[in-house]
Amino acid sequence: MMLNACIGLSFLVGCGVLWRSLPERDVPGWMFAAMMSPIIAGTVLVVAAAVRDRTSG
């Protein structure tokens, strides 16, 4: 569920930036980092939980 929530946040940032109503067509450079950060954070949390479960039982 955490990874799904993080992917949803990434879609939220991407849609907010790509479908904005400003007349300029250039996409800001920070958008890639803003979209990838929640995905990476969610993946790290899932892998950490999997490693913890694997080592504990």
PDB file of N, CA and C in Angstrom:
ATOM      1  N   MET A   1       0.822  -1.189   0.000  1.00  0.00           N
ATOM      2  CA  MET A   1       0.000   0.000   0.000  1.00  0.00           C
ATOM      3  C   MET A   1       0.867   1.254   0.000  1.00  0.00           C
ATOM      4  N   MET A   2       1.994   1.195   0.694  1.00  0.00           N
ATOM      5  CA  MET A   2       2.862   2.362   0.743  1.00  0.00           C
ATOM      6  C   MET A   2       3.423   2.681  -0.638  1.00  0.00           C
ATOM      7  N   LEU A   3       3.854   1.655  -1.366  1.00  0.00           N
ATOM      8  CA  LEU A   3       4.393   1.882  -2.709  1.00  0.00           C
ATOM      9  C   LEU A   3       3.308   2.434  -3.627  1.00  0.00           C
ATOM     10  N   ASN A   4       2.089   1.926  -3.515  1.00  0.00           N
ATOM     11  CA  ASN A   4       0.990   2.448  -4.330  1.00  0.00           C
ATOM     12  C   ASN A   4       0.710   3.909  -4.009  1.00  0.00           C
ATOM     13  N   ALA A   5       0.762   4.269  -2.753  1.00  0.00           N
ATOM     14  CA  ALA A   5       0.546   5.663  -2.368  1.00  0.00           C
ATOM     15  C   ALA A   5       1.646   6.555  -2.925  1.00  0.00           C
ATOM     16  N   CYS A   6       2.874   6.076  -2.892  1.00  0.00           N
ATOM     17  CA  CYS A   6       3.993   6.863  -3.420  1.00  0.00           C
ATOM     18  C   CYS A   6       3.898   7.008  -4.940  1.00  0.00           C
ATOM     19  N   ILE A   7       3.486   5.961  -5.620  1.00  0.00           N
ATOM     20  CA  ILE A   7       3.297   6.062  -7.073  1.00  0.00           C
ATOM     21  C   ILE A   7       2.162   7.040  -7.375  1.00  0.00           C
ATOM     22  N   GLY A   8       1.115   7.021  -6.572  1.00  0.00           N
ATOM     23  CA  GLY A   8       0.026   7.981  -6.740  1.00  0.00           C
ATOM     24  C   GLY A   8       0.491   9.417  -6.563  1.00  0.00           C
ATOM     25  N   LEU A   9       1.369   9.654  -5.587  1.00  0.00           N
ATOM     26  CA  LEU A   9       1.929  10.993  -5.420  1.00  0.00           C
ATOM     27  C   LEU A   9       2.732  11.415  -6.641  1.00  0.00           C
ATOM     28  N   SER A  10       3.454  10.479  -7.233  1.00  0.00           N
ATOM     29  CA  SER A  10       4.228  10.791  -8.435  1.00  0.00           C
ATOM     30  C   SER A  10       3.310  11.169  -9.591  1.00  0.00           C
ATOM     31  N   PHE A  11       2.218  10.429  -9.746  1.00  0.00           N
ATOM     32  CA  PHE A  11       1.256  10.779 -10.790  1.00  0.00           C
ATOM     33  C   PHE A  11       0.625  12.146 -10.516  1.00  0.00           C
ATOM     34  N   LEU A  12       0.371  12.437  -9.263  1.00  0.00           N
ATOM     35  CA  LEU A  12      -0.201  13.722  -8.897  1.00  0.00           C
ATOM     36  C   LEU A  12       0.726  14.871  -9.294  1.00  0.00           C
ATOM     37  N   VAL A  13       2.007  14.729  -8.989  1.00  0.00           N
ATOM     38  CA  VAL A  13       2.978  15.762  -9.359  1.00  0.00           C
ATOM     39  C   VAL A  13       3.085  15.872 -10.880  1.00  0.00           C
ATOM     40  N   GLY A  14       3.169  14.733 -11.555  1.00  0.00           N
ATOM     41  CA  GLY A  14       3.306  14.753 -13.012  1.00  0.00           C
ATOM     42  C   GLY A  14       2.114  15.380 -13.696  1.00  0.00           C
ATOM     43  N   CYS A  15       0.930  15.025 -13.279  1.00  0.00           N
ATOM     44  CA  CYS A  15      -0.274  15.600 -13.891  1.00  0.00           C
ATOM     45  C   CYS A  15      -0.393  17.083 -13.578  1.00  0.00           C
ATOM     46  N   GLY A  16      -0.047  17.451 -12.372  1.00  0.00           N
ATOM     47  CA  GLY A  16      -0.105  18.864 -12.004  1.00  0.00           C
ATOM     48  C   GLY A  16       0.841  19.719 -12.805  1.00  0.00           C
ATOM     49  N   VAL A  17       1.994  19.190 -13.133  1.00  0.00           N
ATOM     50  CA  VAL A  17       2.976  19.965 -13.891  1.00  0.00           C
ATOM     51  C   VAL A  17       2.687  19.908 -15.389  1.00  0.00           C
ATOM     52  N   LEU A  18       2.367  18.745 -15.898  1.00  0.00           N
ATOM     53  CA  LEU A  18       2.178  18.611 -17.344  1.00  0.00           C
ATOM     54  C   LEU A  18       0.867  19.223 -17.823  1.00  0.00           C
ATOM     55  N   TRP A  19      -0.156  19.221 -17.007  1.00  0.00           N
ATOM     56  CA  TRP A  19      -1.458  19.726 -17.441  1.00  0.00           C
ATOM     57  C   TRP A  19      -1.796  21.062 -16.807  1.00  0.00           C
ATOM     58  N   ARG A  20      -0.788  21.836 -16.489  1.00  0.00           N
ATOM     59  CA  ARG A  20      -1.042  23.154 -15.907  1.00  0.00           C
ATOM     60  C   ARG A  20      -1.567  24.107 -16.976  1.00  0.00           C
ATOM     61  N   SER A  21      -2.154  25.183 -16.550  1.00  0.00           N
ATOM     62  CA  SER A  21      -2.802  26.102 -17.487  1.00  0.00           C
ATOM     63  C   SER A  21      -1.904  27.269 -17.900  1.00  0.00           C
ATOM     64  N   LEU A  22      -0.637  27.194 -17.596  1.00  0.00           N
ATOM     65  CA  LEU A  22       0.276  28.265 -17.996  1.00  0.00           C
ATOM     66  C   LEU A  22       0.555  28.184 -19.492  1.00  0.00           C
ATOM     67  N   PRO A  23       0.786  29.318 -20.131  1.00  0.00           N
ATOM     68  CA  PRO A  23       1.016  29.300 -21.579  1.00  0.00           C
ATOM     69  C   PRO A  23       2.374  28.729 -21.987  1.00  0.00           C
ATOM     70  N   GLU A  24       3.337  28.702 -21.095  1.00  0.00           N
ATOM     71  CA  GLU A  24       4.657  28.173 -21.471  1.00  0.00           C
ATOM     72  C   GLU A  24       4.595  26.658 -21.607  1.00  0.00           C
ATOM     73  N   ARG A  25       5.314  26.141 -22.587  1.00  0.00           N
ATOM     74  CA  ARG A  25       5.249  24.712 -22.871  1.00  0.00           C
ATOM     75  C   ARG A  25       6.410  23.936 -22.262  1.00  0.00           C
ATOM     76  N   ASP A  26       7.427  24.633 -21.791  1.00  0.00           N
ATOM     77  CA  ASP A  26       8.595  23.954 -21.222  1.00  0.00           C
ATOM     78  C   ASP A  26       8.248  23.334 -19.876  1.00  0.00           C
ATOM     79  N   VAL A  27       8.716  22.123 -19.697  1.00  0.00           N
ATOM     80  CA  VAL A  27       8.518  21.425 -18.427  1.00  0.00           C
ATOM     81  C   VAL A  27       9.714  21.736 -17.530  1.00  0.00           C
ATOM     82  N   PRO A  28       9.481  22.113 -16.288  1.00  0.00           N
ATOM     83  CA  PRO A  28      10.591  22.434 -15.394  1.00  0.00           C
ATOM     84  C   PRO A  28      11.521  21.239 -15.183  1.00  0.00           C
ATOM     85  N   GLY A  29      12.779  21.518 -14.952  1.00  0.00           N
ATOM     86  CA  GLY A  29      13.767  20.468 -14.761  1.00  0.00           C
ATOM     87  C   GLY A  29      13.586  19.690 -13.476  1.00  0.00           C
ATOM     88  N   TRP A  30      12.951  20.281 -12.481  1.00  0.00           N
ATOM     89  CA  TRP A  30      12.762  19.607 -11.196  1.00  0.00           C
ATOM     90  C   TRP A  30      11.658  18.570 -11.258  1.00  0.00           C
ATOM     91  N   MET A  31      10.900  18.533 -12.361  1.00  0.00           N
ATOM     92  CA  MET A  31       9.764  17.623 -12.416  1.00  0.00           C
ATOM     93  C   MET A  31      10.189  16.155 -12.337  1.00  0.00           C
ATOM     94  N   PHE A  32      11.272  15.800 -13.019  1.00  0.00           N
ATOM     95  CA  PHE A  32      11.726  14.411 -12.991  1.00  0.00           C
ATOM     96  C   PHE A  32      12.081  13.990 -11.565  1.00  0.00           C
ATOM     97  N   ALA A  33      12.800  14.841 -10.857  1.00  0.00           N
ATOM     98  CA  ALA A  33      13.161  14.521  -9.468  1.00  0.00           C
ATOM     99  C   ALA A  33      11.928  14.482  -8.574  1.00  0.00           C
ATOM    100  N   ALA A  34      10.972  15.385  -8.804  1.00  0.00           N
ATOM    101  CA  ALA A  34       9.759  15.404  -8.000  1.00  0.00           C
ATOM    102  C   ALA A  34       8.893  14.177  -8.259  1.00  0.00           C
ATOM    103  N   MET A  35       8.940  13.653  -9.470  1.00  0.00           N
ATOM    104  CA  MET A  35       8.157  12.456  -9.774  1.00  0.00           C
ATOM    105  C   MET A  35       8.851  11.180  -9.307  1.00  0.00           C
ATOM    106  N   MET A  36      10.160  11.144  -9.374  1.00  0.00           N
ATOM    107  CA  MET A  36      10.886   9.930  -9.017  1.00  0.00           C
ATOM    108  C   MET A  36      11.107   9.777  -7.515  1.00  0.00           C
ATOM    109  N   SER A  37      11.151  10.868  -6.789  1.00  0.00           N
ATOM    110  CA  SER A  37      11.412  10.792  -5.340  1.00  0.00           C
ATOM    111  C   SER A  37      10.398   9.937  -4.587  1.00  0.00           C
ATOM    112  N   PRO A  38       9.079  10.123  -4.777  1.00  0.00           N
ATOM    113  CA  PRO A  38       8.145   9.254  -4.059  1.00  0.00           C
ATOM    114  C   PRO A  38       8.240   7.791  -4.473  1.00  0.00           C
ATOM    115  N   ILE A  39       8.510   7.535  -5.763  1.00  0.00           N
ATOM    116  CA  ILE A  39       8.635   6.146  -6.220  1.00  0.00           C
ATOM    117  C   ILE A  39       9.855   5.490  -5.573  1.00  0.00           C
ATOM    118  N   ILE A  40      10.955   6.199  -5.537  1.00  0.00           N
ATOM    119  CA  ILE A  40      12.175   5.655  -4.926  1.00  0.00           C
ATOM    120  C   ILE A  40      11.970   5.454  -3.428  1.00  0.00           C
ATOM    121  N   ALA A  41      11.338   6.433  -2.770  1.00  0.00           N
ATOM    122  CA  ALA A  41      11.088   6.301  -1.326  1.00  0.00           C
ATOM    123  C   ALA A  41      10.181   5.107  -1.037  1.00  0.00           C
ATOM    124  N   GLY A  42       9.135   4.934  -1.822  1.00  0.00           N
ATOM    125  CA  GLY A  42       8.240   3.796  -1.625  1.00  0.00           C
ATOM    126  C   GLY A  42       8.929   2.471  -1.872  1.00  0.00           C
ATOM    127  N   THR A  43       9.774   2.425  -2.898  1.00  0.00           N
ATOM    128  CA  THR A  43      10.511   1.196  -3.192  1.00  0.00           C
ATOM    129  C   THR A  43      11.476   0.856  -2.064  1.00  0.00           C
ATOM    130  N   VAL A  44      12.156   1.861  -1.545  1.00  0.00           N
ATOM    131  CA  VAL A  44      13.087   1.632  -0.430  1.00  0.00           C
ATOM    132  C   VAL A  44      12.336   1.103   0.789  1.00  0.00           C
ATOM    133  N   LEU A  45      11.166   1.677   1.076  1.00  0.00           N
ATOM    134  CA  LEU A  45      10.390   1.201   2.221  1.00  0.00           C
ATOM    135  C   LEU A  45       9.913  -0.240   2.039  1.00  0.00           C
ATOM    136  N   VAL A  46       9.488  -0.577   0.833  1.00  0.00           N
ATOM    137  CA  VAL A  46       9.031  -1.948   0.573  1.00  0.00           C
ATOM    138  C   VAL A  46      10.191  -2.932   0.678  1.00  0.00           C
ATOM    139  N   VAL A  47      11.344  -2.584   0.111  1.00  0.00           N
ATOM    140  CA  VAL A  47      12.510  -3.466   0.183  1.00  0.00           C
ATOM    141  C   VAL A  47      12.984  -3.609   1.632  1.00  0.00           C
ATOM    142  N   ALA A  48      12.965  -2.521   2.388  1.00  0.00           N
ATOM    143  CA  ALA A  48      13.378  -2.595   3.798  1.00  0.00           C
ATOM    144  C   ALA A  48      12.435  -3.498   4.591  1.00  0.00           C
ATOM    145  N   ALA A  49      11.152  -3.392   4.344  1.00  0.00           N
ATOM    146  CA  ALA A  49      10.197  -4.262   5.038  1.00  0.00           C
ATOM    147  C   ALA A  49      10.380  -5.714   4.632  1.00  0.00           C
ATOM    148  N   ALA A  50      10.663  -5.951   3.354  1.00  0.00           N
ATOM    149  CA  ALA A  50      10.876  -7.326   2.892  1.00  0.00           C
ATOM    150  C   ALA A  50      12.137  -7.932   3.509  1.00  0.00           C
ATOM    151  N   VAL A  51      13.191  -7.145   3.592  1.00  0.00           N
ATOM    152  CA  VAL A  51      14.442  -7.636   4.195  1.00  0.00           C
ATOM    153  C   VAL A  51      14.220  -7.901   5.683  1.00  0.00           C
ATOM    154  N   ARG A  52      13.507  -7.014   6.347  1.00  0.00           N
ATOM    155  CA  ARG A  52      13.223  -7.204   7.781  1.00  0.00           C
ATOM    156  C   ARG A  52      12.408  -8.477   8.001  1.00  0.00           C
ATOM    157  N   ASP A  53      11.394  -8.693   7.178  1.00  0.00           N
ATOM    158  CA  ASP A  53      10.581  -9.902   7.308  1.00  0.00           C
ATOM    159  C   ASP A  53      11.387 -11.147   6.982  1.00  0.00           C
ATOM    160  N   ARG A  54      12.262 -11.053   6.011  1.00  0.00           N
ATOM    161  CA  ARG A  54      13.073 -12.198   5.608  1.00  0.00           C
ATOM    162  C   ARG A  54      14.063 -12.595   6.705  1.00  0.00           C
ATOM    163  N   THR A  55      14.652 -11.614   7.365  1.00  0.00           N
ATOM    164  CA  THR A  55      15.641 -11.910   8.399  1.00  0.00           C
ATOM    165  C   THR A  55      14.994 -12.326   9.724  1.00  0.00           C
ATOM    166  N   SER A  56      13.765 -11.888   9.957  1.00  0.00           N
ATOM    167  CA  SER A  56      13.136 -12.218  11.242  1.00  0.00           C
ATOM    168  C   SER A  56      12.416 -13.566  11.235  1.00  0.00           C
ATOM    169  N   GLY A  57      12.182 -14.107  10.080  1.00  0.00           N
ATOM    170  CA  GLY A  57      11.425 -15.336  10.165  1.00  0.00           C
ATOM    171  C   GLY A  57      11.651 -16.281   9.084  1.00  0.00           C
TER     172      GLY A  57
END
